[in-house]
Structure formats: structure tokens, C-alpha cells
Amino acid sequence: MMFGNIIVTGFQMIASAGFSQRNIVIAALSLAIGIGFTQVGELFVCFPELVQSVFAQNCVAVVFLVAVIANLVLPKDIFVDGAEAEGAAEHYKEAQAENDGCAEFDAAQSEGTEAAAAKLC
């Protein structure tokens, strides 16, 4: 129950910050590296005992550290195909509203090619 509550609270925090491409990358990267590093405890053998005790068996500490570093390193504005991620999403929604019922748009959208669908009709 406690861990589920922590996870849901984390999702709420990410949702309040917005599901931007940058936030999704930070969350995915920190979870993948944090959980992966704790599964291979031998990675920390060359570190002092204090570092081993904190990071080798505690995925929360590794996730936190990776998230903080990624937040500092990744650029604030991530661009997708020359457009800002939020701008591209807004453009896609506008195109979807304008081209509602267009057969070519619907076909491109169902194939998962949102960029192509936004350019059609």
C-alpha cells in the first residue's frame, strides 16, 4: 500500500508539471537506470562502503540522483522536427480538429503517423 501510494503521488507530481517530452525522458531514464543499477549490485564494488550501502540496494536513491542530474543536464526546450514539443502537439490538435472526417487524415492517424496526418487535407 505504501509503495503504491508513493508511485501514485509521483505520477500526480509529473502530471502537475506537465507531460512534456523533457519530463517524460527524465522520468523514464531515472526509473530505468535506477531500477537497473540496483539489480546489478556488483557495479558498486569499486566504491567505498558508504556508497555501496546507499546505492547498491536502494533504487530510490539512484532514481533520485539520476533525475536530479538529468534535470540539470537536459535542455529546458526540447525540439521535435524543428518545432517545440508543446507547439507541435497544439498544431496536431488543431489539424485534427480542422480535418475531422477527412479519410486521408484518419488513415494516416490510424497508422501512427501524426506528423504526416497533420500535413494532409
N, C-alpha and C. Protein backbone atom coordinates (compact mmCIF):
# COMPACT_ATOMS: atom_id res chain seq x y z
N MET A 1 0.82 -1.19 0.00
CA MET A 1 0.00 0.00 0.00
C MET A 1 0.87 1.26 0.00
N MET A 2 1.92 1.26 0.81
CA MET A 2 2.77 2.43 0.92
C MET A 2 3.49 2.72 -0.40
N PHE A 3 4.04 1.68 -1.04
CA PHE A 3 4.76 1.89 -2.28
C PHE A 3 3.83 2.32 -3.41
N GLY A 4 2.63 1.76 -3.42
CA GLY A 4 1.63 2.18 -4.41
C GLY A 4 1.27 3.64 -4.24
N ASN A 5 1.13 4.07 -3.01
CA ASN A 5 0.83 5.46 -2.72
C ASN A 5 1.96 6.38 -3.18
N ILE A 6 3.19 5.96 -2.98
CA ILE A 6 4.34 6.75 -3.43
C ILE A 6 4.35 6.87 -4.94
N ILE A 7 4.07 5.77 -5.64
CA ILE A 7 4.06 5.79 -7.10
C ILE A 7 2.96 6.71 -7.62
N VAL A 8 1.76 6.61 -7.05
CA VAL A 8 0.65 7.46 -7.49
C VAL A 8 0.96 8.93 -7.22
N THR A 9 1.56 9.23 -6.09
CA THR A 9 1.95 10.61 -5.79
C THR A 9 2.97 11.12 -6.80
N GLY A 10 3.90 10.25 -7.18
CA GLY A 10 4.87 10.63 -8.20
C GLY A 10 4.21 10.92 -9.53
N PHE A 11 3.25 10.10 -9.92
CA PHE A 11 2.52 10.34 -11.17
C PHE A 11 1.76 11.66 -11.10
N GLN A 12 1.17 11.97 -9.95
CA GLN A 12 0.46 13.23 -9.79
C GLN A 12 1.41 14.41 -9.92
N MET A 13 2.63 14.27 -9.38
CA MET A 13 3.62 15.35 -9.49
C MET A 13 4.02 15.56 -10.94
N ILE A 14 4.24 14.48 -11.67
CA ILE A 14 4.60 14.60 -13.08
C ILE A 14 3.44 15.21 -13.86
N ALA A 15 2.21 14.80 -13.55
CA ALA A 15 1.05 15.35 -14.25
C ALA A 15 0.90 16.84 -13.97
N SER A 16 1.16 17.27 -12.75
CA SER A 16 1.04 18.70 -12.44
C SER A 16 2.14 19.51 -13.12
N ALA A 17 3.30 18.88 -13.33
CA ALA A 17 4.39 19.57 -14.05
C ALA A 17 4.15 19.56 -15.55
N GLY A 18 3.31 18.67 -16.01
CA GLY A 18 3.01 18.57 -17.44
C GLY A 18 3.77 17.43 -18.07
N PHE A 19 3.12 16.74 -18.99
CA PHE A 19 3.75 15.61 -19.67
C PHE A 19 4.50 16.10 -20.90
N SER A 20 5.49 16.93 -20.69
CA SER A 20 6.32 17.39 -21.81
C SER A 20 7.31 16.28 -22.16
N GLN A 21 7.89 16.38 -23.33
CA GLN A 21 8.86 15.37 -23.76
C GLN A 21 10.03 15.31 -22.77
N ARG A 22 10.44 16.45 -22.27
CA ARG A 22 11.56 16.52 -21.33
C ARG A 22 11.23 15.79 -20.03
N ASN A 23 10.05 16.03 -19.48
CA ASN A 23 9.66 15.38 -18.23
C ASN A 23 9.52 13.87 -18.39
N ILE A 24 9.00 13.44 -19.52
CA ILE A 24 8.86 12.01 -19.78
C ILE A 24 10.23 11.35 -19.89
N VAL A 25 11.16 12.01 -20.57
CA VAL A 25 12.52 11.47 -20.70
C VAL A 25 13.19 11.37 -19.34
N ILE A 26 13.06 12.39 -18.51
CA ILE A 26 13.67 12.37 -17.19
C ILE A 26 13.08 11.24 -16.35
N ALA A 27 11.77 11.09 -16.34
CA ALA A 27 11.14 10.04 -15.55
C ALA A 27 11.53 8.65 -16.05
N ALA A 28 11.48 8.44 -17.35
CA ALA A 28 11.81 7.12 -17.91
C ALA A 28 13.28 6.77 -17.69
N LEU A 29 14.16 7.73 -17.93
CA LEU A 29 15.59 7.49 -17.78
C LEU A 29 15.95 7.19 -16.32
N SER A 30 15.41 7.98 -15.41
CA SER A 30 15.74 7.77 -14.00
C SER A 30 15.19 6.45 -13.48
N LEU A 31 13.98 6.07 -13.89
CA LEU A 31 13.43 4.78 -13.46
C LEU A 31 14.21 3.61 -14.04
N ALA A 32 14.52 3.68 -15.32
CA ALA A 32 15.23 2.57 -15.97
C ALA A 32 16.63 2.39 -15.38
N ILE A 33 17.36 3.47 -15.23
CA ILE A 33 18.72 3.37 -14.69
C ILE A 33 18.67 3.02 -13.20
N GLY A 34 17.78 3.65 -12.46
CA GLY A 34 17.70 3.38 -11.03
C GLY A 34 17.36 1.94 -10.70
N ILE A 35 16.37 1.41 -11.36
CA ILE A 35 15.98 0.02 -11.11
C ILE A 35 17.03 -0.93 -11.68
N GLY A 36 17.59 -0.60 -12.83
CA GLY A 36 18.61 -1.46 -13.44
C GLY A 36 19.88 -1.56 -12.61
N PHE A 37 20.34 -0.44 -12.07
CA PHE A 37 21.57 -0.45 -11.27
C PHE A 37 21.41 -1.27 -10.00
N THR A 38 20.24 -1.22 -9.39
CA THR A 38 20.06 -1.98 -8.16
C THR A 38 19.94 -3.48 -8.43
N GLN A 39 19.62 -3.87 -9.65
CA GLN A 39 19.56 -5.29 -10.00
C GLN A 39 20.95 -5.88 -10.20
N VAL A 40 21.92 -5.00 -10.48
CA VAL A 40 23.31 -5.45 -10.67
C VAL A 40 24.15 -4.75 -9.61
N GLY A 41 24.11 -5.27 -8.39
CA GLY A 41 24.81 -4.66 -7.27
C GLY A 41 26.32 -4.68 -7.41
N GLU A 42 26.84 -5.55 -8.29
CA GLU A 42 28.29 -5.64 -8.48
C GLU A 42 28.87 -4.38 -9.11
N LEU A 43 28.03 -3.52 -9.66
CA LEU A 43 28.52 -2.26 -10.23
C LEU A 43 29.19 -1.38 -9.18
N PHE A 44 28.77 -1.51 -7.94
CA PHE A 44 29.22 -0.62 -6.88
C PHE A 44 30.36 -1.20 -6.05
N VAL A 45 30.96 -2.30 -6.49
CA VAL A 45 32.03 -2.96 -5.73
C VAL A 45 33.24 -2.05 -5.57
N CYS A 46 33.56 -1.27 -6.59
CA CYS A 46 34.77 -0.44 -6.54
C CYS A 46 34.58 0.85 -5.72
N PHE A 47 33.35 1.12 -5.27
CA PHE A 47 33.08 2.32 -4.49
C PHE A 47 33.25 2.05 -3.01
N PRO A 48 33.41 3.10 -2.20
CA PRO A 48 33.51 2.92 -0.75
C PRO A 48 32.25 2.27 -0.17
N GLU A 49 32.39 1.74 1.03
CA GLU A 49 31.30 1.01 1.68
C GLU A 49 30.05 1.88 1.85
N LEU A 50 30.23 3.16 2.16
CA LEU A 50 29.09 4.06 2.34
C LEU A 50 28.28 4.18 1.05
N VAL A 51 28.96 4.37 -0.08
CA VAL A 51 28.28 4.47 -1.38
C VAL A 51 27.57 3.17 -1.71
N GLN A 52 28.23 2.05 -1.42
CA GLN A 52 27.62 0.75 -1.68
C GLN A 52 26.34 0.57 -0.87
N SER A 53 26.38 0.93 0.39
CA SER A 53 25.20 0.73 1.24
C SER A 53 24.04 1.64 0.85
N VAL A 54 24.35 2.83 0.32
CA VAL A 54 23.28 3.75 -0.07
C VAL A 54 22.70 3.40 -1.43
N PHE A 55 23.55 3.10 -2.42
CA PHE A 55 23.08 2.96 -3.79
C PHE A 55 22.87 1.52 -4.27
N ALA A 56 23.60 0.56 -3.75
CA ALA A 56 23.54 -0.80 -4.28
C ALA A 56 22.21 -1.47 -4.02
N GLN A 57 21.56 -1.17 -2.92
CA GLN A 57 20.32 -1.85 -2.58
C GLN A 57 19.13 -0.90 -2.46
N ASN A 58 19.30 0.35 -2.83
CA ASN A 58 18.24 1.33 -2.67
C ASN A 58 17.98 2.01 -4.01
N CYS A 59 16.98 1.52 -4.74
CA CYS A 59 16.72 2.09 -6.06
C CYS A 59 16.18 3.52 -5.97
N VAL A 60 15.55 3.90 -4.86
CA VAL A 60 15.02 5.25 -4.71
C VAL A 60 16.16 6.27 -4.74
N ALA A 61 17.27 5.97 -4.08
CA ALA A 61 18.41 6.90 -4.07
C ALA A 61 18.99 7.05 -5.47
N VAL A 62 19.10 5.96 -6.22
CA VAL A 62 19.65 6.02 -7.58
C VAL A 62 18.69 6.77 -8.49
N VAL A 63 17.39 6.49 -8.39
CA VAL A 63 16.39 7.19 -9.21
C VAL A 63 16.44 8.69 -8.93
N PHE A 64 16.53 9.05 -7.66
CA PHE A 64 16.60 10.47 -7.28
C PHE A 64 17.83 11.14 -7.88
N LEU A 65 18.98 10.49 -7.74
CA LEU A 65 20.22 11.07 -8.23
C LEU A 65 20.20 11.23 -9.75
N VAL A 66 19.74 10.22 -10.46
CA VAL A 66 19.66 10.29 -11.93
C VAL A 66 18.68 11.37 -12.36
N ALA A 67 17.53 11.48 -11.68
CA ALA A 67 16.54 12.50 -12.03
C ALA A 67 17.09 13.91 -11.82
N VAL A 68 17.80 14.13 -10.74
CA VAL A 68 18.38 15.45 -10.47
C VAL A 68 19.42 15.80 -11.53
N ILE A 69 20.29 14.84 -11.85
CA ILE A 69 21.33 15.09 -12.86
C ILE A 69 20.71 15.33 -14.22
N ALA A 70 19.72 14.52 -14.60
CA ALA A 70 19.05 14.70 -15.90
C ALA A 70 18.34 16.05 -15.96
N ASN A 71 17.74 16.47 -14.86
CA ASN A 71 17.07 17.77 -14.83
C ASN A 71 18.05 18.91 -15.04
N LEU A 72 19.26 18.76 -14.51
CA LEU A 72 20.27 19.81 -14.68
C LEU A 72 20.91 19.78 -16.05
N VAL A 73 21.03 18.60 -16.65
CA VAL A 73 21.77 18.44 -17.91
C VAL A 73 20.90 18.66 -19.14
N LEU A 74 19.68 18.13 -19.13
CA LEU A 74 18.83 18.23 -20.32
C LEU A 74 18.39 19.67 -20.56
N PRO A 75 18.31 20.07 -21.81
CA PRO A 75 17.87 21.43 -22.10
C PRO A 75 16.40 21.63 -21.72
N LYS A 76 16.06 22.85 -21.36
CA LYS A 76 14.68 23.15 -20.95
C LYS A 76 13.71 23.03 -22.11
N ASP A 77 14.15 23.38 -23.31
CA ASP A 77 13.30 23.30 -24.51
C ASP A 77 13.80 22.17 -25.39
N ILE A 78 13.00 21.14 -25.54
CA ILE A 78 13.34 20.04 -26.43
C ILE A 78 12.56 20.25 -27.72
N PHE A 79 13.24 20.20 -28.85
CA PHE A 79 12.61 20.43 -30.13
C PHE A 79 12.40 19.11 -30.86
N VAL A 80 11.25 19.00 -31.51
CA VAL A 80 10.92 17.82 -32.29
C VAL A 80 10.66 18.27 -33.72
N ASP A 81 11.46 17.81 -34.67
CA ASP A 81 11.34 18.18 -36.08
C ASP A 81 11.28 19.69 -36.27
N GLY A 82 12.10 20.42 -35.54
CA GLY A 82 12.18 21.86 -35.71
C GLY A 82 11.09 22.64 -35.00
N ALA A 83 10.21 21.97 -34.29
CA ALA A 83 9.14 22.65 -33.56
C ALA A 83 9.22 22.29 -32.09
N GLU A 84 8.84 23.21 -31.26
CA GLU A 84 8.83 22.91 -29.83
C GLU A 84 7.77 21.85 -29.56
N ALA A 85 8.04 20.96 -28.64
CA ALA A 85 7.15 19.82 -28.40
C ALA A 85 5.72 20.27 -28.11
N GLU A 86 5.55 21.27 -27.26
CA GLU A 86 4.20 21.73 -26.95
C GLU A 86 3.55 22.35 -28.18
N GLY A 87 4.31 23.10 -28.95
CA GLY A 87 3.79 23.71 -30.17
C GLY A 87 3.37 22.67 -31.18
N ALA A 88 4.14 21.61 -31.29
CA ALA A 88 3.81 20.53 -32.23
C ALA A 88 2.54 19.84 -31.80
N ALA A 89 2.36 19.62 -30.50
CA ALA A 89 1.15 18.97 -30.02
C ALA A 89 -0.08 19.84 -30.29
N GLU A 90 0.07 21.15 -30.07
CA GLU A 90 -1.04 22.06 -30.34
C GLU A 90 -1.37 22.09 -31.82
N HIS A 91 -0.33 22.10 -32.66
CA HIS A 91 -0.53 22.10 -34.11
C HIS A 91 -1.26 20.83 -34.55
N TYR A 92 -0.88 19.70 -33.97
CA TYR A 92 -1.53 18.44 -34.31
C TYR A 92 -3.00 18.46 -33.91
N LYS A 93 -3.31 18.98 -32.71
CA LYS A 93 -4.70 19.04 -32.27
C LYS A 93 -5.53 19.95 -33.18
N GLU A 94 -4.93 21.09 -33.59
CA GLU A 94 -5.64 21.99 -34.50
C GLU A 94 -5.89 21.31 -35.84
N ALA A 95 -4.88 20.60 -36.35
CA ALA A 95 -5.04 19.91 -37.62
C ALA A 95 -6.08 18.81 -37.51
N GLN A 96 -6.11 18.15 -36.38
CA GLN A 96 -7.09 17.09 -36.18
C GLN A 96 -8.50 17.67 -36.17
N ALA A 97 -8.68 18.82 -35.53
CA ALA A 97 -9.99 19.46 -35.49
C ALA A 97 -10.41 19.95 -36.87
N GLU A 98 -9.46 20.53 -37.63
CA GLU A 98 -9.76 21.05 -38.96
C GLU A 98 -10.08 19.95 -39.95
N ASN A 99 -9.43 18.81 -39.82
CA ASN A 99 -9.55 17.74 -40.80
C ASN A 99 -10.41 16.59 -40.30
N ASP A 100 -11.29 16.86 -39.38
CA ASP A 100 -12.15 15.82 -38.84
C ASP A 100 -13.03 15.27 -39.97
N GLY A 101 -12.96 13.97 -40.19
CA GLY A 101 -13.74 13.32 -41.23
C GLY A 101 -12.99 13.15 -42.54
N CYS A 102 -11.80 13.71 -42.67
CA CYS A 102 -11.01 13.55 -43.89
C CYS A 102 -10.43 12.13 -43.89
N ALA A 103 -10.71 11.36 -44.94
CA ALA A 103 -10.31 9.95 -44.99
C ALA A 103 -8.80 9.79 -44.95
N GLU A 104 -8.05 10.64 -45.67
CA GLU A 104 -6.59 10.53 -45.69
C GLU A 104 -6.02 10.84 -44.31
N PHE A 105 -6.58 11.85 -43.65
CA PHE A 105 -6.11 12.21 -42.31
C PHE A 105 -6.37 11.07 -41.33
N ASP A 106 -7.57 10.49 -41.39
CA ASP A 106 -7.92 9.40 -40.49
C ASP A 106 -7.03 8.18 -40.72
N ALA A 107 -6.70 7.89 -42.01
CA ALA A 107 -5.85 6.74 -42.33
C ALA A 107 -4.43 6.96 -41.80
N ALA A 108 -3.89 8.16 -42.00
CA ALA A 108 -2.54 8.46 -41.52
C ALA A 108 -2.50 8.44 -40.00
N GLN A 109 -3.56 8.92 -39.37
CA GLN A 109 -3.62 8.93 -37.92
C GLN A 109 -3.68 7.51 -37.37
N SER A 110 -4.45 6.63 -38.00
CA SER A 110 -4.56 5.26 -37.50
C SER A 110 -3.27 4.48 -37.69
N GLU A 111 -2.44 4.88 -38.65
CA GLU A 111 -1.14 4.24 -38.85
C GLU A 111 -0.10 4.75 -37.88
N GLY A 112 -0.42 5.78 -37.12
CA GLY A 112 0.52 6.30 -36.14
C GLY A 112 1.45 7.36 -36.69
N THR A 113 1.14 7.88 -37.85
CA THR A 113 2.00 8.91 -38.44
C THR A 113 1.33 10.26 -38.26
N GLU A 114 1.39 10.76 -37.01
CA GLU A 114 0.73 12.01 -36.69
C GLU A 114 1.28 13.19 -37.48
N ALA A 115 2.61 13.18 -37.71
CA ALA A 115 3.22 14.28 -38.46
C ALA A 115 2.68 14.32 -39.87
N ALA A 116 2.56 13.15 -40.50
CA ALA A 116 2.03 13.08 -41.86
C ALA A 116 0.55 13.46 -41.85
N ALA A 117 -0.18 13.02 -40.83
CA ALA A 117 -1.60 13.31 -40.75
C ALA A 117 -1.83 14.81 -40.61
N ALA A 118 -0.99 15.49 -39.87
CA ALA A 118 -1.13 16.93 -39.67
C ALA A 118 -0.92 17.70 -40.97
N LYS A 119 -0.17 17.14 -41.92
CA LYS A 119 0.13 17.81 -43.17
C LYS A 119 -0.91 17.53 -44.24
N LEU A 120 -1.75 16.50 -44.05
CA LEU A 120 -2.71 16.11 -45.05
C LEU A 120 -3.94 17.01 -45.03
N CYS A 121 -4.75 16.87 -46.08
CA CYS A 121 -6.07 17.55 -46.24
C CYS A 121 -5.86 19.02 -46.34
